[in-house]
Amino acid sequence: MSEVATLTPPEADHTLDALGLRCPEPVMMIRKKMRDIPVGDTLLITADDPATTRDIPNFCHFMEHTLIDSAASTAPFWYLLRKGL
């Protein structure tokens, strides 16, 4: 993950809009989406729940996905994940 994320979200193989959703819904949606995409593909998530700044990195660590980059200083936040095994 870069120290300074860009303000514009990068391109990704798949996207997930979690705007307006509150914990635990964003992580539940990410988990379902990750089941449906191939290993190695990227997923760009857009969210505005402040809990995602903690929950998404923890989810990636626990589920062995990679958090490639993120912008989580002000909402809306975005996270770029790569699906692991």
PDB file of N, CA and C in Angstrom:
ATOM      1  N   MET A   1       0.846  -1.164   0.000  1.00  0.00           N
ATOM      2  CA  MET A   1       0.000   0.000   0.000  1.00  0.00           C
ATOM      3  C   MET A   1       0.892   1.227   0.000  1.00  0.00           C
ATOM      4  N   SER A   2       0.591   2.177  -0.844  1.00  0.00           N
ATOM      5  CA  SER A   2       1.415   3.373  -0.917  1.00  0.00           C
ATOM      6  C   SER A   2       1.153   4.261   0.295  1.00  0.00           C
ATOM      7  N   GLU A   3       2.148   5.078   0.659  1.00  0.00           N
ATOM      8  CA  GLU A   3       1.984   5.970   1.794  1.00  0.00           C
ATOM      9  C   GLU A   3       0.980   7.069   1.493  1.00  0.00           C
ATOM     10  N   VAL A   4       1.000   7.569   0.266  1.00  0.00           N
ATOM     11  CA  VAL A   4       0.079   8.621  -0.128  1.00  0.00           C
ATOM     12  C   VAL A   4      -0.760   8.099  -1.275  1.00  0.00           C
ATOM     13  N   ALA A   5      -2.014   7.849  -1.009  1.00  0.00           N
ATOM     14  CA  ALA A   5      -2.913   7.340  -2.044  1.00  0.00           C
ATOM     15  C   ALA A   5      -3.366   8.489  -2.929  1.00  0.00           C
ATOM     16  N   THR A   6      -3.633   8.175  -4.182  1.00  0.00           N
ATOM     17  CA  THR A   6      -4.138   9.190  -5.091  1.00  0.00           C
ATOM     18  C   THR A   6      -5.592   9.469  -4.765  1.00  0.00           C
ATOM     19  N   LEU A   7      -6.056  10.671  -5.120  1.00  0.00           N
ATOM     20  CA  LEU A   7      -7.439  11.031  -4.854  1.00  0.00           C
ATOM     21  C   LEU A   7      -8.389  10.352  -5.819  1.00  0.00           C
ATOM     22  N   THR A   8      -7.910  10.059  -7.018  1.00  0.00           N
ATOM     23  CA  THR A   8      -8.741   9.405  -8.018  1.00  0.00           C
ATOM     24  C   THR A   8      -8.571   7.901  -7.901  1.00  0.00           C
ATOM     25  N   PRO A   9      -9.674   7.172  -7.742  1.00  0.00           N
ATOM     26  CA  PRO A   9      -9.554   5.712  -7.641  1.00  0.00           C
ATOM     27  C   PRO A   9      -8.952   5.112  -8.908  1.00  0.00           C
ATOM     28  N   PRO A  10      -8.128   4.099  -8.763  1.00  0.00           N
ATOM     29  CA  PRO A  10      -7.521   3.443  -9.926  1.00  0.00           C
ATOM     30  C   PRO A  10      -8.517   2.537 -10.641  1.00  0.00           C
ATOM     31  N   GLU A  11      -8.120   2.059 -11.798  1.00  0.00           N
ATOM     32  CA  GLU A  11      -8.926   1.081 -12.531  1.00  0.00           C
ATOM     33  C   GLU A  11      -8.835  -0.261 -11.806  1.00  0.00           C
ATOM     34  N   ALA A  12      -9.895  -1.049 -11.924  1.00  0.00           N
ATOM     35  CA  ALA A  12      -9.922  -2.375 -11.299  1.00  0.00           C
ATOM     36  C   ALA A  12     -10.719  -3.318 -12.181  1.00  0.00           C
ATOM     37  N   ASP A  13     -10.518  -4.610 -11.965  1.00  0.00           N
ATOM     38  CA  ASP A  13     -11.267  -5.619 -12.722  1.00  0.00           C
ATOM     39  C   ASP A  13     -12.745  -5.630 -12.339  1.00  0.00           C
ATOM     40  N   HIS A  14     -13.030  -5.318 -11.067  1.00  0.00           N
ATOM     41  CA  HIS A  14     -14.399  -5.361 -10.550  1.00  0.00           C
ATOM     42  C   HIS A  14     -14.583  -4.181  -9.604  1.00  0.00           C
ATOM     43  N   THR A  15     -15.826  -3.749  -9.426  1.00  0.00           N
ATOM     44  CA  THR A  15     -16.116  -2.650  -8.508  1.00  0.00           C
ATOM     45  C   THR A  15     -17.241  -3.040  -7.561  1.00  0.00           C
ATOM     46  N   LEU A  16     -17.269  -2.367  -6.416  1.00  0.00           N
ATOM     47  CA  LEU A  16     -18.323  -2.576  -5.432  1.00  0.00           C
ATOM     48  C   LEU A  16     -18.639  -1.233  -4.786  1.00  0.00           C
ATOM     49  N   ASP A  17     -19.884  -0.809  -4.885  1.00  0.00           N
ATOM     50  CA  ASP A  17     -20.348   0.442  -4.288  1.00  0.00           C
ATOM     51  C   ASP A  17     -20.979   0.133  -2.937  1.00  0.00           C
ATOM     52  N   ALA A  18     -20.313   0.552  -1.862  1.00  0.00           N
ATOM     53  CA  ALA A  18     -20.836   0.340  -0.516  1.00  0.00           C
ATOM     54  C   ALA A  18     -21.214   1.666   0.138  1.00  0.00           C
ATOM     55  N   LEU A  19     -21.430   2.692  -0.672  1.00  0.00           N
ATOM     56  CA  LEU A  19     -21.812   4.000  -0.140  1.00  0.00           C
ATOM     57  C   LEU A  19     -23.169   3.900   0.554  1.00  0.00           C
ATOM     58  N   GLY A  20     -23.266   4.513   1.723  1.00  0.00           N
ATOM     59  CA  GLY A  20     -24.508   4.512   2.475  1.00  0.00           C
ATOM     60  C   GLY A  20     -24.708   3.298   3.360  1.00  0.00           C
ATOM     61  N   LEU A  21     -23.848   2.313   3.242  1.00  0.00           N
ATOM     62  CA  LEU A  21     -23.971   1.097   4.055  1.00  0.00           C
ATOM     63  C   LEU A  21     -23.138   1.233   5.324  1.00  0.00           C
ATOM     64  N   ARG A  22     -23.597   0.620   6.383  1.00  0.00           N
ATOM     65  CA  ARG A  22     -22.906   0.673   7.667  1.00  0.00           C
ATOM     66  C   ARG A  22     -22.502  -0.728   8.106  1.00  0.00           C
ATOM     67  N   CYS A  23     -21.480  -0.767   8.945  1.00  0.00           N
ATOM     68  CA  CYS A  23     -20.942  -2.015   9.471  1.00  0.00           C
ATOM     69  C   CYS A  23     -22.072  -2.877  10.020  1.00  0.00           C
ATOM     70  N   PRO A  24     -22.110  -4.143   9.667  1.00  0.00           N
ATOM     71  CA  PRO A  24     -21.111  -4.967   8.984  1.00  0.00           C
ATOM     72  C   PRO A  24     -21.376  -5.149   7.487  1.00  0.00           C
ATOM     73  N   GLU A  25     -22.350  -4.416   6.926  1.00  0.00           N
ATOM     74  CA  GLU A  25     -22.742  -4.647   5.536  1.00  0.00           C
ATOM     75  C   GLU A  25     -21.606  -4.534   4.516  1.00  0.00           C
ATOM     76  N   PRO A  26     -20.744  -3.500   4.563  1.00  0.00           N
ATOM     77  CA  PRO A  26     -19.690  -3.430   3.540  1.00  0.00           C
ATOM     78  C   PRO A  26     -18.805  -4.678   3.501  1.00  0.00           C
ATOM     79  N   VAL A  27     -18.379  -5.164   4.660  1.00  0.00           N
ATOM     80  CA  VAL A  27     -17.505  -6.342   4.686  1.00  0.00           C
ATOM     81  C   VAL A  27     -18.254  -7.586   4.217  1.00  0.00           C
ATOM     82  N   MET A  28     -19.522  -7.694   4.557  1.00  0.00           N
ATOM     83  CA  MET A  28     -20.314  -8.838   4.089  1.00  0.00           C
ATOM     84  C   MET A  28     -20.421  -8.820   2.565  1.00  0.00           C
ATOM     85  N   MET A  29     -20.626  -7.636   1.988  1.00  0.00           N
ATOM     86  CA  MET A  29     -20.715  -7.523   0.528  1.00  0.00           C
ATOM     87  C   MET A  29     -19.371  -7.827  -0.136  1.00  0.00           C
ATOM     88  N   ILE A  30     -18.282  -7.354   0.473  1.00  0.00           N
ATOM     89  CA  ILE A  30     -16.946  -7.621  -0.073  1.00  0.00           C
ATOM     90  C   ILE A  30     -16.677  -9.122  -0.060  1.00  0.00           C
ATOM     91  N   ARG A  31     -17.002  -9.764   1.035  1.00  0.00           N
ATOM     92  CA  ARG A  31     -16.761 -11.212   1.137  1.00  0.00           C
ATOM     93  C   ARG A  31     -17.518 -11.969   0.051  1.00  0.00           C
ATOM     94  N   LYS A  32     -18.779 -11.610  -0.168  1.00  0.00           N
ATOM     95  CA  LYS A  32     -19.575 -12.261  -1.211  1.00  0.00           C
ATOM     96  C   LYS A  32     -18.987 -11.992  -2.594  1.00  0.00           C
ATOM     97  N   LYS A  33     -18.599 -10.756  -2.857  1.00  0.00           N
ATOM     98  CA  LYS A  33     -18.040 -10.393  -4.166  1.00  0.00           C
ATOM     99  C   LYS A  33     -16.724 -11.136  -4.409  1.00  0.00           C
ATOM    100  N   MET A  34     -15.877 -11.240  -3.388  1.00  0.00           N
ATOM    101  CA  MET A  34     -14.586 -11.907  -3.546  1.00  0.00           C
ATOM    102  C   MET A  34     -14.752 -13.387  -3.867  1.00  0.00           C
ATOM    103  N   ARG A  35     -15.826 -13.999  -3.406  1.00  0.00           N
ATOM    104  CA  ARG A  35     -16.083 -15.407  -3.739  1.00  0.00           C
ATOM    105  C   ARG A  35     -16.339 -15.587  -5.232  1.00  0.00           C
ATOM    106  N   ASP A  36     -16.870 -14.551  -5.873  1.00  0.00           N
ATOM    107  CA  ASP A  36     -17.303 -14.645  -7.268  1.00  0.00           C
ATOM    108  C   ASP A  36     -16.247 -14.235  -8.292  1.00  0.00           C
ATOM    109  N   ILE A  37     -15.111 -13.697  -7.846  1.00  0.00           N
ATOM    110  CA  ILE A  37     -14.104 -13.237  -8.808  1.00  0.00           C
ATOM    111  C   ILE A  37     -12.889 -14.162  -8.796  1.00  0.00           C
ATOM    112  N   PRO A  38     -12.162 -14.231  -9.915  1.00  0.00           N
ATOM    113  CA  PRO A  38     -10.991 -15.112  -9.984  1.00  0.00           C
ATOM    114  C   PRO A  38      -9.828 -14.635  -9.100  1.00  0.00           C
ATOM    115  N   VAL A  39      -9.036 -15.582  -8.635  1.00  0.00           N
ATOM    116  CA  VAL A  39      -7.821 -15.275  -7.880  1.00  0.00           C
ATOM    117  C   VAL A  39      -6.937 -14.361  -8.728  1.00  0.00           C
ATOM    118  N   GLY A  40      -6.414 -13.314  -8.113  1.00  0.00           N
ATOM    119  CA  GLY A  40      -5.537 -12.375  -8.797  1.00  0.00           C
ATOM    120  C   GLY A  40      -6.250 -11.158  -9.352  1.00  0.00           C
ATOM    121  N   ASP A  41      -7.576 -11.218  -9.499  1.00  0.00           N
ATOM    122  CA  ASP A  41      -8.330 -10.055  -9.977  1.00  0.00           C
ATOM    123  C   ASP A  41      -8.367  -8.988  -8.891  1.00  0.00           C
ATOM    124  N   THR A  42      -8.626  -7.743  -9.316  1.00  0.00           N
ATOM    125  CA  THR A  42      -8.705  -6.632  -8.381  1.00  0.00           C
ATOM    126  C   THR A  42     -10.150  -6.190  -8.191  1.00  0.00           C
ATOM    127  N   LEU A  43     -10.421  -5.658  -7.011  1.00  0.00           N
ATOM    128  CA  LEU A  43     -11.745  -5.158  -6.652  1.00  0.00           C
ATOM    129  C   LEU A  43     -11.579  -3.766  -6.063  1.00  0.00           C
ATOM    130  N   LEU A  44     -12.294  -2.801  -6.631  1.00  0.00           N
ATOM    131  CA  LEU A  44     -12.299  -1.431  -6.123  1.00  0.00           C
ATOM    132  C   LEU A  44     -13.589  -1.217  -5.341  1.00  0.00           C
ATOM    133  N   ILE A  45     -13.445  -0.873  -4.065  1.00  0.00           N
ATOM    134  CA  ILE A  45     -14.589  -0.644  -3.194  1.00  0.00           C
ATOM    135  C   ILE A  45     -14.668   0.842  -2.879  1.00  0.00           C
ATOM    136  N   THR A  46     -15.869   1.397  -2.979  1.00  0.00           N
ATOM    137  CA  THR A  46     -16.130   2.770  -2.568  1.00  0.00           C
ATOM    138  C   THR A  46     -17.074   2.706  -1.377  1.00  0.00           C
ATOM    139  N   ALA A  47     -16.720   3.401  -0.290  1.00  0.00           N
ATOM    140  CA  ALA A  47     -17.520   3.350   0.932  1.00  0.00           C
ATOM    141  C   ALA A  47     -17.432   4.687   1.659  1.00  0.00           C
ATOM    142  N   ASP A  48     -18.386   4.925   2.542  1.00  0.00           N
ATOM    143  CA  ASP A  48     -18.333   6.144   3.350  1.00  0.00           C
ATOM    144  C   ASP A  48     -18.485   5.878   4.850  1.00  0.00           C
ATOM    145  N   ASP A  49     -18.537   4.624   5.239  1.00  0.00           N
ATOM    146  CA  ASP A  49     -18.606   4.266   6.652  1.00  0.00           C
ATOM    147  C   ASP A  49     -17.197   4.347   7.244  1.00  0.00           C
ATOM    148  N   PRO A  50     -16.979   5.199   8.256  1.00  0.00           N
ATOM    149  CA  PRO A  50     -15.646   5.304   8.851  1.00  0.00           C
ATOM    150  C   PRO A  50     -15.105   3.974   9.374  1.00  0.00           C
ATOM    151  N   ALA A  51     -15.967   3.042   9.728  1.00  0.00           N
ATOM    152  CA  ALA A  51     -15.515   1.738  10.227  1.00  0.00           C
ATOM    153  C   ALA A  51     -14.763   0.955   9.159  1.00  0.00           C
ATOM    154  N   THR A  52     -14.985   1.268   7.877  1.00  0.00           N
ATOM    155  CA  THR A  52     -14.280   0.535   6.817  1.00  0.00           C
ATOM    156  C   THR A  52     -12.780   0.785   6.853  1.00  0.00           C
ATOM    157  N   THR A  53     -12.356   1.917   7.410  1.00  0.00           N
ATOM    158  CA  THR A  53     -10.919   2.199   7.479  1.00  0.00           C
ATOM    159  C   THR A  53     -10.196   1.185   8.363  1.00  0.00           C
ATOM    160  N   ARG A  54     -10.924   0.574   9.265  1.00  0.00           N
ATOM    161  CA  ARG A  54     -10.379  -0.487  10.121  1.00  0.00           C
ATOM    162  C   ARG A  54     -10.772  -1.867   9.601  1.00  0.00           C
ATOM    163  N   ASP A  55     -12.038  -2.000   9.217  1.00  0.00           N
ATOM    164  CA  ASP A  55     -12.587  -3.311   8.866  1.00  0.00           C
ATOM    165  C   ASP A  55     -12.006  -3.899   7.586  1.00  0.00           C
ATOM    166  N   ILE A  56     -11.819  -3.089   6.556  1.00  0.00           N
ATOM    167  CA  ILE A  56     -11.342  -3.630   5.275  1.00  0.00           C
ATOM    168  C   ILE A  56      -9.893  -4.102   5.368  1.00  0.00           C
ATOM    169  N   PRO A  57      -8.965  -3.325   5.950  1.00  0.00           N
ATOM    170  CA  PRO A  57      -7.608  -3.877   6.114  1.00  0.00           C
ATOM    171  C   PRO A  57      -7.585  -5.158   6.950  1.00  0.00           C
ATOM    172  N   ASN A  58      -8.389  -5.216   8.013  1.00  0.00           N
ATOM    173  CA  ASN A  58      -8.450  -6.432   8.834  1.00  0.00           C
ATOM    174  C   ASN A  58      -9.028  -7.602   8.051  1.00  0.00           C
ATOM    175  N   PHE A  59     -10.054  -7.345   7.259  1.00  0.00           N
ATOM    176  CA  PHE A  59     -10.648  -8.380   6.415  1.00  0.00           C
ATOM    177  C   PHE A  59      -9.595  -8.943   5.460  1.00  0.00           C
ATOM    178  N   CYS A  60      -8.838  -8.060   4.818  1.00  0.00           N
ATOM    179  CA  CYS A  60      -7.803  -8.512   3.871  1.00  0.00           C
ATOM    180  C   CYS A  60      -6.772  -9.387   4.568  1.00  0.00           C
ATOM    181  N   HIS A  61      -6.335  -8.966   5.732  1.00  0.00           N
ATOM    182  CA  HIS A  61      -5.337  -9.745   6.472  1.00  0.00           C
ATOM    183  C   HIS A  61      -5.894 -11.118   6.851  1.00  0.00           C
ATOM    184  N   PHE A  62      -7.095 -11.149   7.371  1.00  0.00           N
ATOM    185  CA  PHE A  62      -7.712 -12.388   7.835  1.00  0.00           C
ATOM    186  C   PHE A  62      -8.004 -13.347   6.680  1.00  0.00           C
ATOM    187  N   MET A  63      -8.453 -12.808   5.534  1.00  0.00           N
ATOM    188  CA  MET A  63      -8.859 -13.642   4.400  1.00  0.00           C
ATOM    189  C   MET A  63      -7.733 -13.838   3.377  1.00  0.00           C
ATOM    190  N   GLU A  64      -6.549 -13.281   3.654  1.00  0.00           N
ATOM    191  CA  GLU A  64      -5.365 -13.424   2.809  1.00  0.00           C
ATOM    192  C   GLU A  64      -5.533 -12.809   1.422  1.00  0.00           C
ATOM    193  N   HIS A  65      -6.221 -11.655   1.379  1.00  0.00           N
ATOM    194  CA  HIS A  65      -6.271 -10.833   0.176  1.00  0.00           C
ATOM    195  C   HIS A  65      -5.260  -9.711   0.377  1.00  0.00           C
ATOM    196  N   THR A  66      -4.930  -8.990  -0.695  1.00  0.00           N
ATOM    197  CA  THR A  66      -3.962  -7.908  -0.605  1.00  0.00           C
ATOM    198  C   THR A  66      -4.662  -6.565  -0.745  1.00  0.00           C
ATOM    199  N   LEU A  67      -4.433  -5.675   0.207  1.00  0.00           N
ATOM    200  CA  LEU A  67      -4.890  -4.296   0.088  1.00  0.00           C
ATOM    201  C   LEU A  67      -3.797  -3.553  -0.669  1.00  0.00           C
ATOM    202  N   ILE A  68      -4.030  -3.317  -1.954  1.00  0.00           N
ATOM    203  CA  ILE A  68      -3.020  -2.720  -2.827  1.00  0.00           C
ATOM    204  C   ILE A  68      -2.856  -1.238  -2.541  1.00  0.00           C
ATOM    205  N   ASP A  69      -3.974  -0.540  -2.386  1.00  0.00           N
ATOM    206  CA  ASP A  69      -3.945   0.909  -2.195  1.00  0.00           C
ATOM    207  C   ASP A  69      -5.273   1.337  -1.593  1.00  0.00           C
ATOM    208  N   SER A  70      -5.290   2.525  -1.031  1.00  0.00           N
ATOM    209  CA  SER A  70      -6.534   3.054  -0.481  1.00  0.00           C
ATOM    210  C   SER A  70      -6.432   4.561  -0.320  1.00  0.00           C
ATOM    211  N   ALA A  71      -7.585   5.185  -0.211  1.00  0.00           N
ATOM    212  CA  ALA A  71      -7.688   6.598   0.146  1.00  0.00           C
ATOM    213  C   ALA A  71      -8.767   6.659   1.216  1.00  0.00           C
ATOM    214  N   ALA A  72      -8.343   6.804   2.461  1.00  0.00           N
ATOM    215  CA  ALA A  72      -9.288   6.699   3.568  1.00  0.00           C
ATOM    216  C   ALA A  72      -9.159   7.856   4.555  1.00  0.00           C
ATOM    217  N   SER A  73      -8.711   9.011   4.070  1.00  0.00           N
ATOM    218  CA  SER A  73      -8.596  10.152   4.982  1.00  0.00           C
ATOM    219  C   SER A  73      -9.897  10.939   5.070  1.00  0.00           C
ATOM    220  N   THR A  74     -10.638  11.025   3.961  1.00  0.00           N
ATOM    221  CA  THR A  74     -11.945  11.684   3.963  1.00  0.00           C
ATOM    222  C   THR A  74     -12.900  10.893   3.083  1.00  0.00           C
ATOM    223  N   ALA A  75     -14.166  10.870   3.490  1.00  0.00           N
ATOM    224  CA  ALA A  75     -15.187  10.143   2.717  1.00  0.00           C
ATOM    225  C   ALA A  75     -15.528  10.917   1.440  1.00  0.00           C
ATOM    226  N   PRO A  76     -15.877  10.228   0.370  1.00  0.00           N
ATOM    227  CA  PRO A  76     -15.955   8.775   0.266  1.00  0.00           C
ATOM    228  C   PRO A  76     -14.562   8.151   0.190  1.00  0.00           C
ATOM    229  N   PHE A  77     -14.422   7.015   0.841  1.00  0.00           N
ATOM    230  CA  PHE A  77     -13.171   6.268   0.855  1.00  0.00           C
ATOM    231  C   PHE A  77     -13.166   5.286  -0.305  1.00  0.00           C
ATOM    232  N   TRP A  78     -11.978   4.881  -0.734  1.00  0.00           N
ATOM    233  CA  TRP A  78     -11.884   3.770  -1.693  1.00  0.00           C
ATOM    234  C   TRP A  78     -10.736   2.865  -1.300  1.00  0.00           C
ATOM    235  N   TYR A  79     -10.892   1.608  -1.682  1.00  0.00           N
ATOM    236  CA  TYR A  79      -9.921   0.560  -1.353  1.00  0.00           C
ATOM    237  C   TYR A  79      -9.741  -0.315  -2.580  1.00  0.00           C
ATOM    238  N   LEU A  80      -8.506  -0.606  -2.936  1.00  0.00           N
ATOM    239  CA  LEU A  80      -8.210  -1.497  -4.051  1.00  0.00           C
ATOM    240  C   LEU A  80      -7.623  -2.784  -3.487  1.00  0.00           C
ATOM    241  N   LEU A  81      -8.333  -3.890  -3.711  1.00  0.00           N
ATOM    242  CA  LEU A  81      -7.936  -5.199  -3.193  1.00  0.00           C
ATOM    243  C   LEU A  81      -7.585  -6.137  -4.338  1.00  0.00           C
ATOM    244  N   ARG A  82      -6.650  -7.054  -4.080  1.00  0.00           N
ATOM    245  CA  ARG A  82      -6.353  -8.144  -5.010  1.00  0.00           C
ATOM    246  C   ARG A  82      -6.740  -9.443  -4.311  1.00  0.00           C
ATOM    247  N   LYS A  83      -7.518 -10.254  -5.021  1.00  0.00           N
ATOM    248  CA  LYS A  83      -7.976 -11.506  -4.425  1.00  0.00           C
ATOM    249  C   LYS A  83      -6.817 -12.480  -4.260  1.00  0.00           C
ATOM    250  N   GLY A  84      -6.713 -13.025  -3.061  1.00  0.00           N
ATOM    251  CA  GLY A  84      -5.724 -14.059  -2.772  1.00  0.00           C
ATOM    252  C   GLY A  84      -6.337 -15.433  -2.942  1.00  0.00           C
ATOM    253  N   LEU A  85      -5.650 -16.436  -2.424  1.00  0.00           N
ATOM    254  CA  LEU A  85      -6.140 -17.810  -2.547  1.00  0.00           C
ATOM    255  C   LEU A  85      -7.300 -18.100  -1.687  1.00  0.00           C
TER     256      LEU A  85
END
